[in-house]
Amino acid sequence: MCGTKVLYREDFELLKREYTLFSKVDPFGDFDLLFGATKLNLRIVDLPIRYRERVYGQTNIQRWRHGVMLLRITVAATLSQKFVA
């Protein structure tokens, strides 16, 4: 979960109205966007990215703290979904 998410304005407005399950616990917003897009049957395309060394400033992401937070949200998100066998 990195990079930029791109949505049509209409889809984003629909997503904001219909799907805000994780908005209070996900500081990055990825879960609402990705799970919401799936629930609304929007097309999701994964584009590979290449990481490079940062040329200025420092990251705001705290690897362990945010990693554990995202892992907890992932577990909660997975448990909240109905799986089709």
Protein backbone atom coordinates (compact mmCIF):
# COMPACT_ATOMS: atom_id res chain seq x y z
CA MET A 1 0.00 0.00 0.00
CA CYS A 2 1.99 2.88 -1.28
CA GLY A 3 1.87 5.40 -3.99
CA THR A 4 -1.02 7.44 -5.28
CA LYS A 5 -4.61 6.33 -5.60
CA VAL A 6 -6.55 7.86 -8.49
CA LEU A 7 -10.34 7.97 -8.62
CA TYR A 8 -12.98 9.75 -10.63
CA ARG A 9 -14.64 12.43 -8.51
CA GLU A 10 -18.03 10.70 -8.78
CA ASP A 11 -16.55 7.41 -7.56
CA PHE A 12 -14.76 9.14 -4.69
CA GLU A 13 -17.94 10.92 -3.58
CA LEU A 14 -19.83 7.61 -3.69
CA LEU A 15 -17.08 5.90 -1.76
CA LYS A 16 -17.10 8.65 0.90
CA ARG A 17 -20.87 8.26 1.35
CA GLU A 18 -21.07 4.48 1.23
CA TYR A 19 -17.89 3.13 2.73
CA THR A 20 -16.07 4.65 5.70
CA LEU A 21 -15.46 1.58 7.84
CA PHE A 22 -11.83 2.32 8.67
CA SER A 23 -11.71 6.10 8.46
CA LYS A 24 -11.28 6.54 12.22
CA VAL A 25 -8.50 3.97 12.65
CA ASP A 26 -6.54 4.13 9.38
CA PRO A 27 -4.25 7.18 9.42
CA PHE A 28 -3.23 6.61 5.80
CA GLY A 29 -6.69 6.11 4.24
CA ASP A 30 -5.67 3.11 2.14
CA PHE A 31 -8.14 0.65 3.60
CA ASP A 32 -11.25 2.72 2.92
CA LEU A 33 -10.09 3.41 -0.61
CA LEU A 34 -9.11 -0.15 -1.48
CA PHE A 35 -11.86 -2.06 0.35
CA GLY A 36 -14.44 0.56 -0.64
CA ALA A 37 -13.44 0.37 -4.30
CA THR A 38 -13.76 -3.41 -4.14
CA LYS A 39 -17.18 -3.23 -2.47
CA LEU A 40 -18.37 -0.77 -5.12
CA ASN A 41 -16.99 -2.95 -7.94
CA LEU A 42 -14.60 -0.26 -9.14
CA ARG A 43 -11.69 -1.29 -11.29
CA ILE A 44 -8.38 -1.48 -9.44
CA VAL A 45 -5.11 -1.48 -11.36
CA ASP A 46 -1.80 -2.16 -9.65
CA LEU A 47 1.12 -0.29 -11.15
CA PRO A 48 4.61 -1.29 -9.98
CA ILE A 49 6.82 1.38 -8.50
CA ARG A 50 10.56 1.64 -7.98
CA TYR A 51 11.94 2.83 -4.71
CA ARG A 52 14.90 5.14 -4.65
CA GLU A 53 16.85 6.74 -1.88
CA ARG A 54 15.20 9.88 -0.53
CA VAL A 55 17.04 12.97 -1.75
CA TYR A 56 15.70 15.40 0.85
CA GLY A 57 14.00 15.43 4.25
CA GLN A 58 13.04 12.52 6.44
CA THR A 59 10.11 10.15 6.27
CA ASN A 60 7.18 10.65 8.63
CA ILE A 61 6.51 6.92 8.67
CA GLN A 62 7.65 5.05 11.76
CA ARG A 63 8.31 1.55 10.47
CA TRP A 64 7.53 -0.51 13.56
CA ARG A 65 4.76 1.60 15.07
CA HIS A 66 2.91 2.15 11.81
CA GLY A 67 3.67 -1.40 10.65
CA VAL A 68 1.98 -2.88 13.72
CA MET A 69 -0.92 -0.45 13.30
CA LEU A 70 -1.41 -1.49 9.67
CA LEU A 71 -1.16 -5.16 10.59
CA ARG A 72 -3.96 -4.74 13.17
CA ILE A 73 -6.14 -2.92 10.65
CA THR A 74 -5.43 -5.65 8.09
CA VAL A 75 -6.59 -8.33 10.51
CA ALA A 76 -9.72 -6.34 11.41
CA ALA A 77 -10.44 -5.67 7.73
CA THR A 78 -10.01 -9.33 6.83
CA LEU A 79 -12.30 -10.46 9.64
CA SER A 80 -14.94 -7.91 8.57
CA GLN A 81 -15.18 -9.32 5.04
CA LYS A 82 -17.46 -12.11 3.88
CA PHE A 83 -15.50 -14.60 1.84
CA VAL A 84 -17.11 -16.53 -0.99
CA ALA A 85 -16.02 -20.12 -1.22
